[in-house]
Amino acid sequence: MKNTWQCPKCGATDVVRIPDNSSRHASGNNIYTSTYTLFGKIPVIRYVCCECGYVENWVEAKEELLEIKKTFG
């Protein structure tokens, strides 16, 4: 959905991107690469189909993907 803006389940194009709320400590589906609470927070951006409710989660920044690989890979 991130690239096509079309739902892979129902085919609808009514897709919304839900960004991370950086002012909130625990907003969204974050991935933490540090044991320190305020450091190493990588946001997981959600794309939601407003027709059927299907949701995809994406890490959008290449450097964040590299950090995840370094920490967990």
PDB file of N, CA and C in Angstrom:
ATOM      1  N   MET A   1       0.812  -1.193   0.000  1.00  0.00           N
ATOM      2  CA  MET A   1       0.000   0.000   0.000  1.00  0.00           C
ATOM      3  C   MET A   1       0.857   1.258   0.000  1.00  0.00           C
ATOM      4  N   LYS A   2       2.027   1.151   0.616  1.00  0.00           N
ATOM      5  CA  LYS A   2       2.912   2.309   0.693  1.00  0.00           C
ATOM      6  C   LYS A   2       3.294   2.824  -0.693  1.00  0.00           C
ATOM      7  N   ASN A   3       3.541   1.924  -1.603  1.00  0.00           N
ATOM      8  CA  ASN A   3       4.016   2.322  -2.930  1.00  0.00           C
ATOM      9  C   ASN A   3       2.897   2.499  -3.949  1.00  0.00           C
ATOM     10  N   THR A   4       1.833   1.740  -3.815  1.00  0.00           N
ATOM     11  CA  THR A   4       0.768   1.770  -4.825  1.00  0.00           C
ATOM     12  C   THR A   4      -0.452   2.580  -4.407  1.00  0.00           C
ATOM     13  N   TRP A   5      -0.584   2.829  -3.099  1.00  0.00           N
ATOM     14  CA  TRP A   5      -1.768   3.476  -2.540  1.00  0.00           C
ATOM     15  C   TRP A   5      -3.039   2.718  -2.906  1.00  0.00           C
ATOM     16  N   GLN A   6      -2.896   1.402  -3.016  1.00  0.00           N
ATOM     17  CA  GLN A   6      -4.037   0.533  -3.271  1.00  0.00           C
ATOM     18  C   GLN A   6      -3.967  -0.652  -2.310  1.00  0.00           C
ATOM     19  N   CYS A   7      -5.085  -1.005  -1.731  1.00  0.00           N
ATOM     20  CA  CYS A   7      -5.143  -2.099  -0.771  1.00  0.00           C
ATOM     21  C   CYS A   7      -4.949  -3.437  -1.487  1.00  0.00           C
ATOM     22  N   PRO A   8      -4.006  -4.277  -1.022  1.00  0.00           N
ATOM     23  CA  PRO A   8      -3.795  -5.574  -1.661  1.00  0.00           C
ATOM     24  C   PRO A   8      -4.893  -6.588  -1.334  1.00  0.00           C
ATOM     25  N   LYS A   9      -5.725  -6.304  -0.351  1.00  0.00           N
ATOM     26  CA  LYS A   9      -6.801  -7.224   0.042  1.00  0.00           C
ATOM     27  C   LYS A   9      -8.097  -6.972  -0.715  1.00  0.00           C
ATOM     28  N   CYS A  10      -8.528  -5.699  -0.768  1.00  0.00           N
ATOM     29  CA  CYS A  10      -9.826  -5.402  -1.387  1.00  0.00           C
ATOM     30  C   CYS A  10      -9.713  -4.562  -2.658  1.00  0.00           C
ATOM     31  N   GLY A  11      -8.526  -4.011  -2.933  1.00  0.00           N
ATOM     32  CA  GLY A  11      -8.328  -3.223  -4.147  1.00  0.00           C
ATOM     33  C   GLY A  11      -8.710  -1.759  -4.034  1.00  0.00           C
ATOM     34  N   ALA A  12      -9.209  -1.344  -2.886  1.00  0.00           N
ATOM     35  CA  ALA A  12      -9.621   0.054  -2.720  1.00  0.00           C
ATOM     36  C   ALA A  12      -8.410   0.982  -2.748  1.00  0.00           C
ATOM     37  N   THR A  13      -8.645   2.229  -3.098  1.00  0.00           N
ATOM     38  CA  THR A  13      -7.581   3.232  -3.122  1.00  0.00           C
ATOM     39  C   THR A  13      -7.755   4.274  -2.018  1.00  0.00           C
ATOM     40  N   ASP A  14      -8.659   4.014  -1.096  1.00  0.00           N
ATOM     41  CA  ASP A  14      -8.881   4.909   0.041  1.00  0.00           C
ATOM     42  C   ASP A  14      -7.931   4.499   1.167  1.00  0.00           C
ATOM     43  N   VAL A  15      -6.649   4.858   1.003  1.00  0.00           N
ATOM     44  CA  VAL A  15      -5.583   4.455   1.922  1.00  0.00           C
ATOM     45  C   VAL A  15      -5.059   5.691   2.641  1.00  0.00           C
ATOM     46  N   VAL A  16      -4.844   5.563   3.943  1.00  0.00           N
ATOM     47  CA  VAL A  16      -4.365   6.675   4.762  1.00  0.00           C
ATOM     48  C   VAL A  16      -3.047   6.278   5.415  1.00  0.00           C
ATOM     49  N   ARG A  17      -2.090   7.215   5.411  1.00  0.00           N
ATOM     50  CA  ARG A  17      -0.803   7.019   6.085  1.00  0.00           C
ATOM     51  C   ARG A  17      -0.896   7.605   7.484  1.00  0.00           C
ATOM     52  N   ILE A  18      -0.601   6.790   8.506  1.00  0.00           N
ATOM     53  CA  ILE A  18      -0.630   7.240   9.896  1.00  0.00           C
ATOM     54  C   ILE A  18       0.817   7.436  10.339  1.00  0.00           C
ATOM     55  N   PRO A  19       1.270   8.688  10.477  1.00  0.00           N
ATOM     56  CA  PRO A  19       2.663   8.933  10.849  1.00  0.00           C
ATOM     57  C   PRO A  19       2.898   8.723  12.338  1.00  0.00           C
ATOM     58  N   ASP A  20       4.157   8.639  12.701  1.00  0.00           N
ATOM     59  CA  ASP A  20       4.544   8.584  14.100  1.00  0.00           C
ATOM     60  C   ASP A  20       4.281   9.947  14.722  1.00  0.00           C
ATOM     61  N   ASN A  21       3.910   9.965  15.987  1.00  0.00           N
ATOM     62  CA  ASN A  21       3.743  11.216  16.726  1.00  0.00           C
ATOM     63  C   ASN A  21       4.983  11.371  17.594  1.00  0.00           C
ATOM     64  N   SER A  22       5.964  12.090  17.116  1.00  0.00           N
ATOM     65  CA  SER A  22       7.256  12.180  17.800  1.00  0.00           C
ATOM     66  C   SER A  22       7.188  12.877  19.153  1.00  0.00           C
ATOM     67  N   SER A  23       6.121  13.619  19.430  1.00  0.00           N
ATOM     68  CA  SER A  23       6.019  14.290  20.721  1.00  0.00           C
ATOM     69  C   SER A  23       5.524  13.357  21.821  1.00  0.00           C
ATOM     70  N   ARG A  24       5.047  12.182  21.441  1.00  0.00           N
ATOM     71  CA  ARG A  24       4.610  11.203  22.435  1.00  0.00           C
ATOM     72  C   ARG A  24       5.676  10.135  22.588  1.00  0.00           C
ATOM     73  N   HIS A  25       5.932   9.765  23.815  1.00  0.00           N
ATOM     74  CA  HIS A  25       6.974   8.762  24.093  1.00  0.00           C
ATOM     75  C   HIS A  25       6.612   7.397  23.515  1.00  0.00           C
ATOM     76  N   ALA A  26       5.389   6.966  23.655  1.00  0.00           N
ATOM     77  CA  ALA A  26       5.020   5.591  23.288  1.00  0.00           C
ATOM     78  C   ALA A  26       3.977   5.557  22.180  1.00  0.00           C
ATOM     79  N   SER A  27       4.077   6.452  21.218  1.00  0.00           N
ATOM     80  CA  SER A  27       3.092   6.463  20.155  1.00  0.00           C
ATOM     81  C   SER A  27       3.396   5.397  19.119  1.00  0.00           C
ATOM     82  N   GLY A  28       2.367   4.815  18.589  1.00  0.00           N
ATOM     83  CA  GLY A  28       2.523   3.877  17.490  1.00  0.00           C
ATOM     84  C   GLY A  28       3.199   2.576  17.850  1.00  0.00           C
ATOM     85  N   ASN A  29       3.643   1.915  16.830  1.00  0.00           N
ATOM     86  CA  ASN A  29       4.332   0.632  16.934  1.00  0.00           C
ATOM     87  C   ASN A  29       5.810   0.884  16.763  1.00  0.00           C
ATOM     88  N   ASN A  30       6.477   1.355  17.760  1.00  0.00           N
ATOM     89  CA  ASN A  30       7.883   1.698  17.633  1.00  0.00           C
ATOM     90  C   ASN A  30       8.768   0.474  17.852  1.00  0.00           C
ATOM     91  N   ILE A  31       9.938   0.511  17.249  1.00  0.00           N
ATOM     92  CA  ILE A  31      10.972  -0.490  17.484  1.00  0.00           C
ATOM     93  C   ILE A  31      12.086   0.228  18.229  1.00  0.00           C
ATOM     94  N   TYR A  32      12.495  -0.327  19.362  1.00  0.00           N
ATOM     95  CA  TYR A  32      13.531   0.301  20.171  1.00  0.00           C
ATOM     96  C   TYR A  32      14.844  -0.456  20.016  1.00  0.00           C
ATOM     97  N   THR A  33      15.899   0.268  19.670  1.00  0.00           N
ATOM     98  CA  THR A  33      17.217  -0.345  19.474  1.00  0.00           C
ATOM     99  C   THR A  33      18.150  -0.038  20.634  1.00  0.00           C
ATOM    100  N   SER A  34      17.591   0.494  21.711  1.00  0.00           N
ATOM    101  CA  SER A  34      18.376   0.828  22.902  1.00  0.00           C
ATOM    102  C   SER A  34      17.560   0.496  24.136  1.00  0.00           C
ATOM    103  N   THR A  35      18.226   0.192  25.230  1.00  0.00           N
ATOM    104  CA  THR A  35      17.520  -0.056  26.481  1.00  0.00           C
ATOM    105  C   THR A  35      17.155   1.244  27.188  1.00  0.00           C
ATOM    106  N   TYR A  36      17.693   2.362  26.708  1.00  0.00           N
ATOM    107  CA  TYR A  36      17.351   3.664  27.265  1.00  0.00           C
ATOM    108  C   TYR A  36      16.073   4.163  26.611  1.00  0.00           C
ATOM    109  N   THR A  37      15.114   4.539  27.417  1.00  0.00           N
ATOM    110  CA  THR A  37      13.762   4.825  26.967  1.00  0.00           C
ATOM    111  C   THR A  37      13.676   5.856  25.845  1.00  0.00           C
ATOM    112  N   LEU A  38      14.397   6.947  25.938  1.00  0.00           N
ATOM    113  CA  LEU A  38      14.238   8.022  24.954  1.00  0.00           C
ATOM    114  C   LEU A  38      15.185   7.916  23.760  1.00  0.00           C
ATOM    115  N   PHE A  39      15.990   6.866  23.699  1.00  0.00           N
ATOM    116  CA  PHE A  39      16.952   6.722  22.610  1.00  0.00           C
ATOM    117  C   PHE A  39      16.625   5.486  21.776  1.00  0.00           C
ATOM    118  N   GLY A  40      17.006   5.512  20.537  1.00  0.00           N
ATOM    119  CA  GLY A  40      16.861   4.349  19.687  1.00  0.00           C
ATOM    120  C   GLY A  40      15.439   4.029  19.289  1.00  0.00           C
ATOM    121  N   LYS A  41      14.575   5.027  19.249  1.00  0.00           N
ATOM    122  CA  LYS A  41      13.183   4.815  18.859  1.00  0.00           C
ATOM    123  C   LYS A  41      13.064   4.918  17.345  1.00  0.00           C
ATOM    124  N   ILE A  42      12.664   3.835  16.718  1.00  0.00           N
ATOM    125  CA  ILE A  42      12.450   3.837  15.272  1.00  0.00           C
ATOM    126  C   ILE A  42      10.950   3.723  15.038  1.00  0.00           C
ATOM    127  N   PRO A  43      10.367   4.730  14.383  1.00  0.00           N
ATOM    128  CA  PRO A  43       8.918   4.694  14.175  1.00  0.00           C
ATOM    129  C   PRO A  43       8.523   3.687  13.098  1.00  0.00           C
ATOM    130  N   VAL A  44       7.411   3.029  13.341  1.00  0.00           N
ATOM    131  CA  VAL A  44       6.810   2.149  12.345  1.00  0.00           C
ATOM    132  C   VAL A  44       5.572   2.878  11.841  1.00  0.00           C
ATOM    133  N   ILE A  45       5.589   3.232  10.573  1.00  0.00           N
ATOM    134  CA  ILE A  45       4.511   4.001   9.971  1.00  0.00           C
ATOM    135  C   ILE A  45       3.434   3.032   9.489  1.00  0.00           C
ATOM    136  N   ARG A  46       2.183   3.379   9.767  1.00  0.00           N
ATOM    137  CA  ARG A  46       1.076   2.511   9.379  1.00  0.00           C
ATOM    138  C   ARG A  46       0.323   3.072   8.186  1.00  0.00           C
ATOM    139  N   TYR A  47      -0.075   2.163   7.308  1.00  0.00           N
ATOM    140  CA  TYR A  47      -0.935   2.482   6.177  1.00  0.00           C
ATOM    141  C   TYR A  47      -2.219   1.689   6.370  1.00  0.00           C
ATOM    142  N   VAL A  48      -3.366   2.387   6.358  1.00  0.00           N
ATOM    143  CA  VAL A  48      -4.645   1.766   6.671  1.00  0.00           C
ATOM    144  C   VAL A  48      -5.593   1.912   5.486  1.00  0.00           C
ATOM    145  N   CYS A  49      -6.211   0.795   5.097  1.00  0.00           N
ATOM    146  CA  CYS A  49      -7.264   0.843   4.087  1.00  0.00           C
ATOM    147  C   CYS A  49      -8.555   1.238   4.781  1.00  0.00           C
ATOM    148  N   CYS A  50      -9.160   2.338   4.336  1.00  0.00           N
ATOM    149  CA  CYS A  50     -10.383   2.828   4.975  1.00  0.00           C
ATOM    150  C   CYS A  50     -11.634   2.137   4.448  1.00  0.00           C
ATOM    151  N   GLU A  51     -11.471   1.169   3.558  1.00  0.00           N
ATOM    152  CA  GLU A  51     -12.606   0.369   3.091  1.00  0.00           C
ATOM    153  C   GLU A  51     -12.738  -0.923   3.888  1.00  0.00           C
ATOM    154  N   CYS A  52     -11.643  -1.694   4.006  1.00  0.00           N
ATOM    155  CA  CYS A  52     -11.728  -3.008   4.660  1.00  0.00           C
ATOM    156  C   CYS A  52     -10.983  -3.074   5.989  1.00  0.00           C
ATOM    157  N   GLY A  53     -10.145  -2.071   6.294  1.00  0.00           N
ATOM    158  CA  GLY A  53      -9.443  -2.048   7.567  1.00  0.00           C
ATOM    159  C   GLY A  53      -8.090  -2.731   7.561  1.00  0.00           C
ATOM    160  N   TYR A  54      -7.649  -3.219   6.420  1.00  0.00           N
ATOM    161  CA  TYR A  54      -6.330  -3.851   6.335  1.00  0.00           C
ATOM    162  C   TYR A  54      -5.251  -2.823   6.675  1.00  0.00           C
ATOM    163  N   VAL A  55      -4.204  -3.276   7.413  1.00  0.00           N
ATOM    164  CA  VAL A  55      -3.126  -2.383   7.851  1.00  0.00           C
ATOM    165  C   VAL A  55      -1.782  -2.980   7.474  1.00  0.00           C
ATOM    166  N   GLU A  56      -0.885  -2.128   6.958  1.00  0.00           N
ATOM    167  CA  GLU A  56       0.513  -2.504   6.723  1.00  0.00           C
ATOM    168  C   GLU A  56       1.394  -1.606   7.573  1.00  0.00           C
ATOM    169  N   ASN A  57       2.474  -2.180   8.088  1.00  0.00           N
ATOM    170  CA  ASN A  57       3.453  -1.426   8.876  1.00  0.00           C
ATOM    171  C   ASN A  57       4.747  -1.333   8.089  1.00  0.00           C
ATOM    172  N   TRP A  58       5.350  -0.128   8.099  1.00  0.00           N
ATOM    173  CA  TRP A  58       6.581   0.105   7.338  1.00  0.00           C
ATOM    174  C   TRP A  58       7.578   0.916   8.151  1.00  0.00           C
ATOM    175  N   VAL A  59       8.837   0.549   8.043  1.00  0.00           N
ATOM    176  CA  VAL A  59       9.940   1.414   8.477  1.00  0.00           C
ATOM    177  C   VAL A  59      10.398   2.096   7.195  1.00  0.00           C
ATOM    178  N   GLU A  60      10.297   3.400   7.142  1.00  0.00           N
ATOM    179  CA  GLU A  60      10.473   4.093   5.868  1.00  0.00           C
ATOM    180  C   GLU A  60      11.891   4.578   5.576  1.00  0.00           C
ATOM    181  N   ALA A  61      12.704   4.806   6.576  1.00  0.00           N
ATOM    182  CA  ALA A  61      14.029   5.382   6.348  1.00  0.00           C
ATOM    183  C   ALA A  61      15.101   4.295   6.266  1.00  0.00           C
ATOM    184  N   LYS A  62      15.921   4.370   5.250  1.00  0.00           N
ATOM    185  CA  LYS A  62      16.978   3.383   5.029  1.00  0.00           C
ATOM    186  C   LYS A  62      17.934   3.293   6.217  1.00  0.00           C
ATOM    187  N   GLU A  63      18.301   4.440   6.794  1.00  0.00           N
ATOM    188  CA  GLU A  63      19.223   4.414   7.930  1.00  0.00           C
ATOM    189  C   GLU A  63      18.600   3.728   9.143  1.00  0.00           C
ATOM    190  N   GLU A  64      17.278   3.819   9.286  1.00  0.00           N
ATOM    191  CA  GLU A  64      16.602   3.117  10.382  1.00  0.00           C
ATOM    192  C   GLU A  64      16.595   1.608  10.152  1.00  0.00           C
ATOM    193  N   LEU A  65      16.460   1.195   8.903  1.00  0.00           N
ATOM    194  CA  LEU A  65      16.546  -0.231   8.576  1.00  0.00           C
ATOM    195  C   LEU A  65      17.934  -0.777   8.890  1.00  0.00           C
ATOM    196  N   LEU A  66      18.947   0.014   8.600  1.00  0.00           N
ATOM    197  CA  LEU A  66      20.327  -0.398   8.904  1.00  0.00           C
ATOM    198  C   LEU A  66      20.548  -0.507  10.411  1.00  0.00           C
ATOM    199  N   GLU A  67      19.947   0.402  11.182  1.00  0.00           N
ATOM    200  CA  GLU A  67      20.055   0.353  12.637  1.00  0.00           C
ATOM    201  C   GLU A  67      19.371  -0.900  13.207  1.00  0.00           C
ATOM    202  N   ILE A  68      18.232  -1.236  12.651  1.00  0.00           N
ATOM    203  CA  ILE A  68      17.523  -2.456  13.068  1.00  0.00           C
ATOM    204  C   ILE A  68      18.375  -3.687  12.767  1.00  0.00           C
ATOM    205  N   LYS A  69      18.963  -3.727  11.589  1.00  0.00           N
ATOM    206  CA  LYS A  69      19.806  -4.860  11.218  1.00  0.00           C
ATOM    207  C   LYS A  69      21.015  -4.964  12.133  1.00  0.00           C
ATOM    208  N   LYS A  70      21.617  -3.820  12.455  1.00  0.00           N
ATOM    209  CA  LYS A  70      22.773  -3.796  13.347  1.00  0.00           C
ATOM    210  C   LYS A  70      22.413  -4.293  14.742  1.00  0.00           C
ATOM    211  N   THR A  71      21.250  -3.907  15.224  1.00  0.00           N
ATOM    212  CA  THR A  71      20.825  -4.275  16.570  1.00  0.00           C
ATOM    213  C   THR A  71      20.315  -5.705  16.672  1.00  0.00           C
ATOM    214  N   PHE A  72      19.515  -6.129  15.718  1.00  0.00           N
ATOM    215  CA  PHE A  72      18.831  -7.421  15.828  1.00  0.00           C
ATOM    216  C   PHE A  72      19.323  -8.472  14.837  1.00  0.00           C
ATOM    217  N   GLY A  73      20.103  -8.041  13.822  1.00  0.00           N
ATOM    218  CA  GLY A  73      20.491  -8.951  12.746  1.00  0.00           C
ATOM    219  C   GLY A  73      21.658  -9.786  13.089  1.00  0.00           C
TER     220      GLY A  73
END
